[in-house]
Amino acid sequence: MKREEAFLDTCIFYGLQNLNDGFDAPGIKYFSEDDFEKVLNRVKEQGPGILGIEPWKNGAFYQVMVYEDFTDDPADSNWYMQAFEKFKEEKEELQYAASYFIPGNLLK
């Protein structure tokens, strides 16, 4: 798991502010809507996938969407971009977290 975390920190999360101030497990990073859009664009460019998107509101679980609801491929960017747009349409101030699928070839 450490290699996956290092990949995410180095290639995906760089320059972004982690909003998790202790309301969830320390290893789970939360981002503003603007920063999470950057996360998704970097994931799309770099090649990993998204297993699920889990926004929180005011430090409490809000909702979750997972790739199986859209496709059979977590690396299909259409699913996570669609899911993110649905969350944005709700006009709530959310903090976004995700679970990531990182293929072995990206960890070399």
PDB file of N, CA and C in Angstrom:
ATOM      1  N   MET A   1       0.817  -1.202   0.000  1.00  0.00           N
ATOM      2  CA  MET A   1       0.000   0.000   0.000  1.00  0.00           C
ATOM      3  C   MET A   1       0.860   1.265   0.000  1.00  0.00           C
ATOM      4  N   LYS A   2       2.033   1.192   0.566  1.00  0.00           N
ATOM      5  CA  LYS A   2       2.895   2.378   0.629  1.00  0.00           C
ATOM      6  C   LYS A   2       3.282   2.872  -0.764  1.00  0.00           C
ATOM      7  N   ARG A   3       3.492   1.949  -1.703  1.00  0.00           N
ATOM      8  CA  ARG A   3       3.844   2.359  -3.067  1.00  0.00           C
ATOM      9  C   ARG A   3       2.684   3.095  -3.725  1.00  0.00           C
ATOM     10  N   GLU A   4       1.463   2.619  -3.473  1.00  0.00           N
ATOM     11  CA  GLU A   4       0.290   3.287  -4.020  1.00  0.00           C
ATOM     12  C   GLU A   4       0.150   4.693  -3.435  1.00  0.00           C
ATOM     13  N   GLU A   5       0.331   4.805  -2.109  1.00  0.00           N
ATOM     14  CA  GLU A   5       0.237   6.116  -1.464  1.00  0.00           C
ATOM     15  C   GLU A   5       1.306   7.063  -1.997  1.00  0.00           C
ATOM     16  N   ALA A   6       2.515   6.559  -2.190  1.00  0.00           N
ATOM     17  CA  ALA A   6       3.603   7.388  -2.720  1.00  0.00           C
ATOM     18  C   ALA A   6       3.272   7.858  -4.134  1.00  0.00           C
ATOM     19  N   PHE A   7       2.721   6.958  -4.958  1.00  0.00           N
ATOM     20  CA  PHE A   7       2.327   7.336  -6.317  1.00  0.00           C
ATOM     21  C   PHE A   7       1.290   8.456  -6.270  1.00  0.00           C
ATOM     22  N   LEU A   8       0.260   8.274  -5.449  1.00  0.00           N
ATOM     23  CA  LEU A   8      -0.794   9.280  -5.370  1.00  0.00           C
ATOM     24  C   LEU A   8      -0.249  10.620  -4.883  1.00  0.00           C
ATOM     25  N   ASP A   9       0.559  10.591  -3.831  1.00  0.00           N
ATOM     26  CA  ASP A   9       1.116  11.837  -3.293  1.00  0.00           C
ATOM     27  C   ASP A   9       1.995  12.548  -4.314  1.00  0.00           C
ATOM     28  N   THR A  10       2.790  11.786  -5.054  1.00  0.00           N
ATOM     29  CA  THR A  10       3.751  12.361  -5.998  1.00  0.00           C
ATOM     30  C   THR A  10       3.113  12.779  -7.318  1.00  0.00           C
ATOM     31  N   CYS A  11       2.227  11.955  -7.841  1.00  0.00           N
ATOM     32  CA  CYS A  11       1.713  12.166  -9.202  1.00  0.00           C
ATOM     33  C   CYS A  11       0.311  12.769  -9.272  1.00  0.00           C
ATOM     34  N   ILE A  12      -0.467  12.639  -8.208  1.00  0.00           N
ATOM     35  CA  ILE A  12      -1.863  13.073  -8.259  1.00  0.00           C
ATOM     36  C   ILE A  12      -2.159  14.217  -7.281  1.00  0.00           C
ATOM     37  N   PHE A  13      -1.710  14.094  -6.036  1.00  0.00           N
ATOM     38  CA  PHE A  13      -2.110  15.038  -4.989  1.00  0.00           C
ATOM     39  C   PHE A  13      -1.183  16.242  -4.821  1.00  0.00           C
ATOM     40  N   TYR A  14      -0.088  16.296  -5.568  1.00  0.00           N
ATOM     41  CA  TYR A  14       0.891  17.367  -5.359  1.00  0.00           C
ATOM     42  C   TYR A  14       0.244  18.748  -5.519  1.00  0.00           C
ATOM     43  N   GLY A  15       0.622  19.662  -4.627  1.00  0.00           N
ATOM     44  CA  GLY A  15       0.152  21.038  -4.712  1.00  0.00           C
ATOM     45  C   GLY A  15      -1.277  21.268  -4.266  1.00  0.00           C
ATOM     46  N   LEU A  16      -1.944  20.234  -3.769  1.00  0.00           N
ATOM     47  CA  LEU A  16      -3.339  20.358  -3.356  1.00  0.00           C
ATOM     48  C   LEU A  16      -3.441  20.310  -1.835  1.00  0.00           C
ATOM     49  N   GLN A  17      -4.508  20.887  -1.292  1.00  0.00           N
ATOM     50  CA  GLN A  17      -4.684  20.938   0.157  1.00  0.00           C
ATOM     51  C   GLN A  17      -5.592  19.807   0.626  1.00  0.00           C
ATOM     52  N   ASN A  18      -5.060  18.969   1.514  1.00  0.00           N
ATOM     53  CA  ASN A  18      -5.837  17.909   2.142  1.00  0.00           C
ATOM     54  C   ASN A  18      -6.687  18.537   3.237  1.00  0.00           C
ATOM     55  N   LEU A  19      -8.003  18.409   3.137  1.00  0.00           N
ATOM     56  CA  LEU A  19      -8.924  19.023   4.092  1.00  0.00           C
ATOM     57  C   LEU A  19      -9.267  18.113   5.266  1.00  0.00           C
ATOM     58  N   ASN A  20      -8.723  16.916   5.301  1.00  0.00           N
ATOM     59  CA  ASN A  20      -8.997  16.002   6.412  1.00  0.00           C
ATOM     60  C   ASN A  20      -8.251  16.499   7.647  1.00  0.00           C
ATOM     61  N   ASP A  21      -8.993  17.110   8.546  1.00  0.00           N
ATOM     62  CA  ASP A  21      -8.404  17.661   9.768  1.00  0.00           C
ATOM     63  C   ASP A  21      -8.623  16.738  10.965  1.00  0.00           C
ATOM     64  N   GLY A  22      -8.876  15.466  10.679  1.00  0.00           N
ATOM     65  CA  GLY A  22      -9.078  14.492  11.739  1.00  0.00           C
ATOM     66  C   GLY A  22     -10.477  13.916  11.791  1.00  0.00           C
ATOM     67  N   PHE A  23     -11.378  14.352  10.899  1.00  0.00           N
ATOM     68  CA  PHE A  23     -12.737  13.820  10.921  1.00  0.00           C
ATOM     69  C   PHE A  23     -12.829  12.422  10.320  1.00  0.00           C
ATOM     70  N   ASP A  24     -11.762  11.965   9.651  1.00  0.00           N
ATOM     71  CA  ASP A  24     -11.715  10.606   9.103  1.00  0.00           C
ATOM     72  C   ASP A  24     -10.303  10.064   9.324  1.00  0.00           C
ATOM     73  N   ALA A  25     -10.090   8.823   8.934  1.00  0.00           N
ATOM     74  CA  ALA A  25      -8.778   8.190   9.101  1.00  0.00           C
ATOM     75  C   ALA A  25      -7.698   9.048   8.441  1.00  0.00           C
ATOM     76  N   PRO A  26      -6.515   9.131   9.054  1.00  0.00           N
ATOM     77  CA  PRO A  26      -5.458  10.023   8.565  1.00  0.00           C
ATOM     78  C   PRO A  26      -5.022   9.763   7.123  1.00  0.00           C
ATOM     79  N   GLY A  27      -5.095   8.536   6.653  1.00  0.00           N
ATOM     80  CA  GLY A  27      -4.639   8.220   5.303  1.00  0.00           C
ATOM     81  C   GLY A  27      -5.608   8.604   4.203  1.00  0.00           C
ATOM     82  N   ILE A  28      -6.815   9.024   4.573  1.00  0.00           N
ATOM     83  CA  ILE A  28      -7.820   9.389   3.575  1.00  0.00           C
ATOM     84  C   ILE A  28      -7.760  10.890   3.353  1.00  0.00           C
ATOM     85  N   LYS A  29      -7.507  11.270   2.117  1.00  0.00           N
ATOM     86  CA  LYS A  29      -7.363  12.687   1.788  1.00  0.00           C
ATOM     87  C   LYS A  29      -8.669  13.221   1.202  1.00  0.00           C
ATOM     88  N   TYR A  30      -9.044  14.393   1.663  1.00  0.00           N
ATOM     89  CA  TYR A  30     -10.254  15.076   1.206  1.00  0.00           C
ATOM     90  C   TYR A  30      -9.861  16.386   0.544  1.00  0.00           C
ATOM     91  N   PHE A  31     -10.608  16.733  -0.508  1.00  0.00           N
ATOM     92  CA  PHE A  31     -10.286  17.925  -1.280  1.00  0.00           C
ATOM     93  C   PHE A  31     -11.534  18.758  -1.546  1.00  0.00           C
ATOM     94  N   SER A  32     -11.315  20.046  -1.745  1.00  0.00           N
ATOM     95  CA  SER A  32     -12.390  20.942  -2.172  1.00  0.00           C
ATOM     96  C   SER A  32     -12.840  20.526  -3.573  1.00  0.00           C
ATOM     97  N   GLU A  33     -13.955  21.085  -3.996  1.00  0.00           N
ATOM     98  CA  GLU A  33     -14.461  20.779  -5.337  1.00  0.00           C
ATOM     99  C   GLU A  33     -13.430  21.123  -6.410  1.00  0.00           C
ATOM    100  N   ASP A  34     -12.825  22.300  -6.308  1.00  0.00           N
ATOM    101  CA  ASP A  34     -11.828  22.716  -7.308  1.00  0.00           C
ATOM    102  C   ASP A  34     -10.615  21.788  -7.318  1.00  0.00           C
ATOM    103  N   ASP A  35     -10.098  21.465  -6.129  1.00  0.00           N
ATOM    104  CA  ASP A  35      -8.937  20.574  -6.064  1.00  0.00           C
ATOM    105  C   ASP A  35      -9.291  19.164  -6.516  1.00  0.00           C
ATOM    106  N   PHE A  36     -10.505  18.705  -6.197  1.00  0.00           N
ATOM    107  CA  PHE A  36     -10.875  17.350  -6.601  1.00  0.00           C
ATOM    108  C   PHE A  36     -11.014  17.253  -8.117  1.00  0.00           C
ATOM    109  N   GLU A  37     -11.451  18.313  -8.740  1.00  0.00           N
ATOM    110  CA  GLU A  37     -11.495  18.322 -10.207  1.00  0.00           C
ATOM    111  C   GLU A  37     -10.085  18.148 -10.771  1.00  0.00           C
ATOM    112  N   LYS A  38      -9.099  18.777 -10.136  1.00  0.00           N
ATOM    113  CA  LYS A  38      -7.706  18.590 -10.547  1.00  0.00           C
ATOM    114  C   LYS A  38      -7.268  17.147 -10.329  1.00  0.00           C
ATOM    115  N   VAL A  39      -7.669  16.561  -9.199  1.00  0.00           N
ATOM    116  CA  VAL A  39      -7.356  15.150  -8.933  1.00  0.00           C
ATOM    117  C   VAL A  39      -7.886  14.285 -10.070  1.00  0.00           C
ATOM    118  N   LEU A  40      -9.149  14.468 -10.428  1.00  0.00           N
ATOM    119  CA  LEU A  40      -9.754  13.640 -11.479  1.00  0.00           C
ATOM    120  C   LEU A  40      -9.058  13.839 -12.822  1.00  0.00           C
ATOM    121  N   ASN A  41      -8.706  15.066 -13.143  1.00  0.00           N
ATOM    122  CA  ASN A  41      -8.000  15.314 -14.406  1.00  0.00           C
ATOM    123  C   ASN A  41      -6.623  14.664 -14.407  1.00  0.00           C
ATOM    124  N   ARG A  42      -5.940  14.692 -13.278  1.00  0.00           N
ATOM    125  CA  ARG A  42      -4.626  14.045 -13.188  1.00  0.00           C
ATOM    126  C   ARG A  42      -4.753  12.530 -13.272  1.00  0.00           C
ATOM    127  N   VAL A  43      -5.779  11.979 -12.643  1.00  0.00           N
ATOM    128  CA  VAL A  43      -6.018  10.535 -12.740  1.00  0.00           C
ATOM    129  C   VAL A  43      -6.253  10.165 -14.202  1.00  0.00           C
ATOM    130  N   LYS A  44      -7.061  10.961 -14.876  1.00  0.00           N
ATOM    131  CA  LYS A  44      -7.354  10.709 -16.295  1.00  0.00           C
ATOM    132  C   LYS A  44      -6.074  10.747 -17.132  1.00  0.00           C
ATOM    133  N   GLU A  45      -5.202  11.705 -16.869  1.00  0.00           N
ATOM    134  CA  GLU A  45      -3.950  11.845 -17.629  1.00  0.00           C
ATOM    135  C   GLU A  45      -2.933  10.760 -17.292  1.00  0.00           C
ATOM    136  N   GLN A  46      -2.832  10.395 -16.024  1.00  0.00           N
ATOM    137  CA  GLN A  46      -1.783   9.475 -15.559  1.00  0.00           C
ATOM    138  C   GLN A  46      -2.129   7.998 -15.762  1.00  0.00           C
ATOM    139  N   GLY A  47      -3.422   7.655 -15.788  1.00  0.00           N
ATOM    140  CA  GLY A  47      -3.787   6.283 -16.081  1.00  0.00           C
ATOM    141  C   GLY A  47      -4.313   5.402 -14.969  1.00  0.00           C
ATOM    142  N   PRO A  48      -4.307   5.824 -13.694  1.00  0.00           N
ATOM    143  CA  PRO A  48      -4.970   4.967 -12.706  1.00  0.00           C
ATOM    144  C   PRO A  48      -6.483   5.086 -12.858  1.00  0.00           C
ATOM    145  N   GLY A  49      -7.224   4.486 -11.979  1.00  0.00           N
ATOM    146  CA  GLY A  49      -8.672   4.567 -12.032  1.00  0.00           C
ATOM    147  C   GLY A  49      -9.231   4.987 -10.687  1.00  0.00           C
ATOM    148  N   ILE A  50     -10.537   5.181 -10.672  1.00  0.00           N
ATOM    149  CA  ILE A  50     -11.255   5.542  -9.450  1.00  0.00           C
ATOM    150  C   ILE A  50     -12.251   4.425  -9.156  1.00  0.00           C
ATOM    151  N   LEU A  51     -12.153   3.856  -7.970  1.00  0.00           N
ATOM    152  CA  LEU A  51     -13.096   2.813  -7.554  1.00  0.00           C
ATOM    153  C   LEU A  51     -14.389   3.419  -7.025  1.00  0.00           C
ATOM    154  N   GLY A  52     -14.268   4.515  -6.305  1.00  0.00           N
ATOM    155  CA  GLY A  52     -15.437   5.172  -5.746  1.00  0.00           C
ATOM    156  C   GLY A  52     -15.129   6.601  -5.349  1.00  0.00           C
ATOM    157  N   ILE A  53     -16.165   7.421  -5.345  1.00  0.00           N
ATOM    158  CA  ILE A  53     -16.067   8.812  -4.895  1.00  0.00           C
ATOM    159  C   ILE A  53     -16.982   8.953  -3.690  1.00  0.00           C
ATOM    160  N   GLU A  54     -16.430   9.495  -2.604  1.00  0.00           N
ATOM    161  CA  GLU A  54     -17.180   9.616  -1.353  1.00  0.00           C
ATOM    162  C   GLU A  54     -17.056  11.036  -0.807  1.00  0.00           C
ATOM    163  N   PRO A  55     -18.006  11.897  -1.127  1.00  0.00           N
ATOM    164  CA  PRO A  55     -17.969  13.234  -0.545  1.00  0.00           C
ATOM    165  C   PRO A  55     -18.545  13.254   0.872  1.00  0.00           C
ATOM    166  N   TRP A  56     -18.043  14.180   1.653  1.00  0.00           N
ATOM    167  CA  TRP A  56     -18.552  14.421   2.997  1.00  0.00           C
ATOM    168  C   TRP A  56     -18.998  15.871   3.068  1.00  0.00           C
ATOM    169  N   LYS A  57     -19.946  16.135   3.958  1.00  0.00           N
ATOM    170  CA  LYS A  57     -20.447  17.492   4.175  1.00  0.00           C
ATOM    171  C   LYS A  57     -20.386  17.784   5.668  1.00  0.00           C
ATOM    172  N   ASN A  58     -19.728  18.864   6.023  1.00  0.00           N
ATOM    173  CA  ASN A  58     -19.608  19.266   7.432  1.00  0.00           C
ATOM    174  C   ASN A  58     -19.076  18.141   8.311  1.00  0.00           C
ATOM    175  N   GLY A  59     -18.090  17.407   7.810  1.00  0.00           N
ATOM    176  CA  GLY A  59     -17.456  16.358   8.595  1.00  0.00           C
ATOM    177  C   GLY A  59     -18.253  15.078   8.726  1.00  0.00           C
ATOM    178  N   ALA A  60     -19.318  14.931   7.940  1.00  0.00           N
ATOM    179  CA  ALA A  60     -20.151  13.724   8.010  1.00  0.00           C
ATOM    180  C   ALA A  60     -20.326  13.135   6.607  1.00  0.00           C
ATOM    181  N   PHE A  61     -20.446  11.809   6.560  1.00  0.00           N
ATOM    182  CA  PHE A  61     -20.662  11.115   5.293  1.00  0.00           C
ATOM    183  C   PHE A  61     -21.863  11.708   4.575  1.00  0.00           C
ATOM    184  N   TYR A  62     -21.731  11.925   3.267  1.00  0.00           N
ATOM    185  CA  TYR A  62     -22.801  12.509   2.462  1.00  0.00           C
ATOM    186  C   TYR A  62     -23.402  11.481   1.511  1.00  0.00           C
ATOM    187  N   GLN A  63     -22.557  10.864   0.694  1.00  0.00           N
ATOM    188  CA  GLN A  63     -23.032   9.910  -0.305  1.00  0.00           C
ATOM    189  C   GLN A  63     -21.821   9.219  -0.916  1.00  0.00           C
ATOM    190  N   VAL A  64     -22.058   8.165  -1.694  1.00  0.00           N
ATOM    191  CA  VAL A  64     -20.967   7.504  -2.399  1.00  0.00           C
ATOM    192  C   VAL A  64     -21.464   7.059  -3.774  1.00  0.00           C
ATOM    193  N   MET A  65     -20.594   7.122  -4.744  1.00  0.00           N
ATOM    194  CA  MET A  65     -20.845   6.538  -6.062  1.00  0.00           C
ATOM    195  C   MET A  65     -19.639   5.684  -6.403  1.00  0.00           C
ATOM    196  N   VAL A  66     -19.908   4.507  -6.991  1.00  0.00           N
ATOM    197  CA  VAL A  66     -18.845   3.563  -7.323  1.00  0.00           C
ATOM    198  C   VAL A  66     -18.889   3.229  -8.810  1.00  0.00           C
ATOM    199  N   TYR A  67     -17.752   2.806  -9.317  1.00  0.00           N
ATOM    200  CA  TYR A  67     -17.643   2.579 -10.762  1.00  0.00           C
ATOM    201  C   TYR A  67     -18.621   1.526 -11.265  1.00  0.00           C
ATOM    202  N   GLU A  68     -18.938   0.526 -10.431  1.00  0.00           N
ATOM    203  CA  GLU A  68     -19.850  -0.538 -10.869  1.00  0.00           C
ATOM    204  C   GLU A  68     -21.236  -0.014 -11.233  1.00  0.00           C
ATOM    205  N   ASP A  69     -21.593   1.160 -10.735  1.00  0.00           N
ATOM    206  CA  ASP A  69     -22.883   1.760 -11.080  1.00  0.00           C
ATOM    207  C   ASP A  69     -22.880   2.361 -12.486  1.00  0.00           C
ATOM    208  N   PHE A  70     -21.688   2.483 -13.087  1.00  0.00           N
ATOM    209  CA  PHE A  70     -21.557   3.142 -14.382  1.00  0.00           C
ATOM    210  C   PHE A  70     -20.910   2.260 -15.444  1.00  0.00           C
ATOM    211  N   THR A  71     -19.941   1.434 -15.041  1.00  0.00           N
ATOM    212  CA  THR A  71     -19.109   0.700 -15.995  1.00  0.00           C
ATOM    213  C   THR A  71     -18.470  -0.492 -15.291  1.00  0.00           C
ATOM    214  N   ASP A  72     -17.750  -1.311 -16.044  1.00  0.00           N
ATOM    215  CA  ASP A  72     -17.005  -2.414 -15.418  1.00  0.00           C
ATOM    216  C   ASP A  72     -15.509  -2.109 -15.352  1.00  0.00           C
ATOM    217  N   ASP A  73     -15.135  -0.869 -15.690  1.00  0.00           N
ATOM    218  CA  ASP A  73     -13.722  -0.483 -15.722  1.00  0.00           C
ATOM    219  C   ASP A  73     -13.489   0.758 -14.859  1.00  0.00           C
ATOM    220  N   PRO A  74     -12.795   0.619 -13.731  1.00  0.00           N
ATOM    221  CA  PRO A  74     -12.561   1.785 -12.875  1.00  0.00           C
ATOM    222  C   PRO A  74     -11.673   2.849 -13.521  1.00  0.00           C
ATOM    223  N   ALA A  75     -10.961   2.491 -14.590  1.00  0.00           N
ATOM    224  CA  ALA A  75     -10.103   3.455 -15.281  1.00  0.00           C
ATOM    225  C   ALA A  75     -10.846   4.217 -16.383  1.00  0.00           C
ATOM    226  N   ASP A  76     -12.121   3.906 -16.592  1.00  0.00           N
ATOM    227  CA  ASP A  76     -12.933   4.616 -17.580  1.00  0.00           C
ATOM    228  C   ASP A  76     -13.274   5.997 -17.017  1.00  0.00           C
ATOM    229  N   SER A  77     -12.646   7.019 -17.550  1.00  0.00           N
ATOM    230  CA  SER A  77     -12.822   8.368 -16.998  1.00  0.00           C
ATOM    231  C   SER A  77     -14.249   8.888 -17.139  1.00  0.00           C
ATOM    232  N   ASN A  78     -15.010   8.348 -18.067  1.00  0.00           N
ATOM    233  CA  ASN A  78     -16.391   8.814 -18.235  1.00  0.00           C
ATOM    234  C   ASN A  78     -17.194   8.634 -16.958  1.00  0.00           C
ATOM    235  N   TRP A  79     -16.978   7.515 -16.262  1.00  0.00           N
ATOM    236  CA  TRP A  79     -17.793   7.257 -15.076  1.00  0.00           C
ATOM    237  C   TRP A  79     -17.506   8.266 -13.982  1.00  0.00           C
ATOM    238  N   TYR A  80     -16.230   8.492 -13.675  1.00  0.00           N
ATOM    239  CA  TYR A  80     -15.961   9.365 -12.528  1.00  0.00           C
ATOM    240  C   TYR A  80     -16.191  10.833 -12.846  1.00  0.00           C
ATOM    241  N   MET A  81     -16.047  11.215 -14.099  1.00  0.00           N
ATOM    242  CA  MET A  81     -16.368  12.594 -14.461  1.00  0.00           C
ATOM    243  C   MET A  81     -17.890  12.817 -14.390  1.00  0.00           C
ATOM    244  N   GLN A  82     -18.659  11.822 -14.832  1.00  0.00           N
ATOM    245  CA  GLN A  82     -20.118  11.891 -14.738  1.00  0.00           C
ATOM    246  C   GLN A  82     -20.569  11.962 -13.285  1.00  0.00           C
ATOM    247  N   ALA A  83     -20.019  11.101 -12.455  1.00  0.00           N
ATOM    248  CA  ALA A  83     -20.384  11.077 -11.037  1.00  0.00           C
ATOM    249  C   ALA A  83     -20.062  12.420 -10.384  1.00  0.00           C
ATOM    250  N   PHE A  84     -18.899  12.962 -10.670  1.00  0.00           N
ATOM    251  CA  PHE A  84     -18.497  14.244 -10.101  1.00  0.00           C
ATOM    252  C   PHE A  84     -19.456  15.352 -10.533  1.00  0.00           C
ATOM    253  N   GLU A  85     -19.845  15.348 -11.799  1.00  0.00           N
ATOM    254  CA  GLU A  85     -20.798  16.355 -12.281  1.00  0.00           C
ATOM    255  C   GLU A  85     -22.128  16.245 -11.540  1.00  0.00           C
ATOM    256  N   LYS A  86     -22.568  15.014 -11.262  1.00  0.00           N
ATOM    257  CA  LYS A  86     -23.821  14.833 -10.511  1.00  0.00           C
ATOM    258  C   LYS A  86     -23.701  15.427  -9.115  1.00  0.00           C
ATOM    259  N   PHE A  87     -22.578  15.192  -8.455  1.00  0.00           N
ATOM    260  CA  PHE A  87     -22.378  15.781  -7.132  1.00  0.00           C
ATOM    261  C   PHE A  87     -22.355  17.309  -7.216  1.00  0.00           C
ATOM    262  N   LYS A  88     -21.689  17.853  -8.214  1.00  0.00           N
ATOM    263  CA  LYS A  88     -21.603  19.307  -8.360  1.00  0.00           C
ATOM    264  C   LYS A  88     -22.981  19.922  -8.592  1.00  0.00           C
ATOM    265  N   GLU A  89     -23.842  19.218  -9.317  1.00  0.00           N
ATOM    266  CA  GLU A  89     -25.185  19.725  -9.604  1.00  0.00           C
ATOM    267  C   GLU A  89     -26.019  19.892  -8.342  1.00  0.00           C
ATOM    268  N   GLU A  90     -25.669  19.194  -7.283  1.00  0.00           N
ATOM    269  CA  GLU A  90     -26.423  19.285  -6.031  1.00  0.00           C
ATOM    270  C   GLU A  90     -26.141  20.589  -5.291  1.00  0.00           C
ATOM    271  N   LYS A  91     -25.136  21.338  -5.732  1.00  0.00           N
ATOM    272  CA  LYS A  91     -24.817  22.662  -5.183  1.00  0.00           C
ATOM    273  C   LYS A  91     -24.592  22.640  -3.671  1.00  0.00           C
ATOM    274  N   GLU A  92     -23.996  21.573  -3.179  1.00  0.00           N
ATOM    275  CA  GLU A  92     -23.638  21.472  -1.766  1.00  0.00           C
ATOM    276  C   GLU A  92     -22.148  21.758  -1.620  1.00  0.00           C
ATOM    277  N   GLU A  93     -21.749  22.263  -0.474  1.00  0.00           N
ATOM    278  CA  GLU A  93     -20.327  22.461  -0.206  1.00  0.00           C
ATOM    279  C   GLU A  93     -19.773  21.150   0.347  1.00  0.00           C
ATOM    280  N   LEU A  94     -19.152  20.374  -0.536  1.00  0.00           N
ATOM    281  CA  LEU A  94     -18.692  19.033  -0.190  1.00  0.00           C
ATOM    282  C   LEU A  94     -17.174  18.966  -0.169  1.00  0.00           C
ATOM    283  N   GLN A  95     -16.692  18.007   0.596  1.00  0.00           N
ATOM    284  CA  GLN A  95     -15.273  17.661   0.593  1.00  0.00           C
ATOM    285  C   GLN A  95     -15.189  16.262   0.003  1.00  0.00           C
ATOM    286  N   TYR A  96     -14.354  16.108  -1.012  1.00  0.00           N
ATOM    287  CA  TYR A  96     -14.330  14.888  -1.811  1.00  0.00           C
ATOM    288  C   TYR A  96     -13.147  13.990  -1.477  1.00  0.00           C
ATOM    289  N   ALA A  97     -13.450  12.706  -1.313  1.00  0.00           N
ATOM    290  CA  ALA A  97     -12.427  11.670  -1.194  1.00  0.00           C
ATOM    291  C   ALA A  97     -12.734  10.617  -2.251  1.00  0.00           C
ATOM    292  N   ALA A  98     -11.745   9.802  -2.544  1.00  0.00           N
ATOM    293  CA  ALA A  98     -11.949   8.719  -3.505  1.00  0.00           C
ATOM    294  C   ALA A  98     -11.096   7.534  -3.105  1.00  0.00           C
ATOM    295  N   SER A  99     -11.482   6.380  -3.608  1.00  0.00           N
ATOM    296  CA  SER A  99     -10.612   5.204  -3.522  1.00  0.00           C
ATOM    297  C   SER A  99     -10.100   4.969  -4.938  1.00  0.00           C
ATOM    298  N   TYR A 100      -8.845   4.611  -5.024  1.00  0.00           N
ATOM    299  CA  TYR A 100      -8.142   4.600  -6.308  1.00  0.00           C
ATOM    300  C   TYR A 100      -7.719   3.195  -6.702  1.00  0.00           C
ATOM    301  N   PHE A 101      -7.754   2.944  -8.011  1.00  0.00           N
ATOM    302  CA  PHE A 101      -7.244   1.710  -8.599  1.00  0.00           C
ATOM    303  C   PHE A 101      -5.942   2.077  -9.309  1.00  0.00           C
ATOM    304  N   ILE A 102      -4.843   1.503  -8.829  1.00  0.00           N
ATOM    305  CA  ILE A 102      -3.540   1.825  -9.419  1.00  0.00           C
ATOM    306  C   ILE A 102      -2.924   0.551  -9.979  1.00  0.00           C
ATOM    307  N   PRO A 103      -2.893   0.410 -11.299  1.00  0.00           N
ATOM    308  CA  PRO A 103      -2.303  -0.781 -11.912  1.00  0.00           C
ATOM    309  C   PRO A 103      -0.811  -0.890 -11.588  1.00  0.00           C
ATOM    310  N   GLY A 104      -0.333  -2.103 -11.516  1.00  0.00           N
ATOM    311  CA  GLY A 104       1.062  -2.364 -11.175  1.00  0.00           C
ATOM    312  C   GLY A 104       2.060  -1.670 -12.074  1.00  0.00           C
ATOM    313  N   ASN A 105       1.727  -1.497 -13.356  1.00  0.00           N
ATOM    314  CA  ASN A 105       2.683  -0.868 -14.278  1.00  0.00           C
ATOM    315  C   ASN A 105       2.965   0.593 -13.928  1.00  0.00           C
ATOM    316  N   LEU A 106       2.097   1.236 -13.159  1.00  0.00           N
ATOM    317  CA  LEU A 106       2.333   2.623 -12.753  1.00  0.00           C
ATOM    318  C   LEU A 106       3.228   2.719 -11.524  1.00  0.00           C
ATOM    319  N   LEU A 107       3.468   1.596 -10.874  1.00  0.00           N
ATOM    320  CA  LEU A 107       4.248   1.593  -9.631  1.00  0.00           C
ATOM    321  C   LEU A 107       5.707   1.238  -9.855  1.00  0.00           C
ATOM    322  N   LYS A 108       6.113   1.048 -11.092  1.00  0.00           N
ATOM    323  CA  LYS A 108       7.495   0.640 -11.376  1.00  0.00           C
ATOM    324  C   LYS A 108       8.434   1.812 -11.395  1.00  0.00           C
TER     325      LYS A 108
END
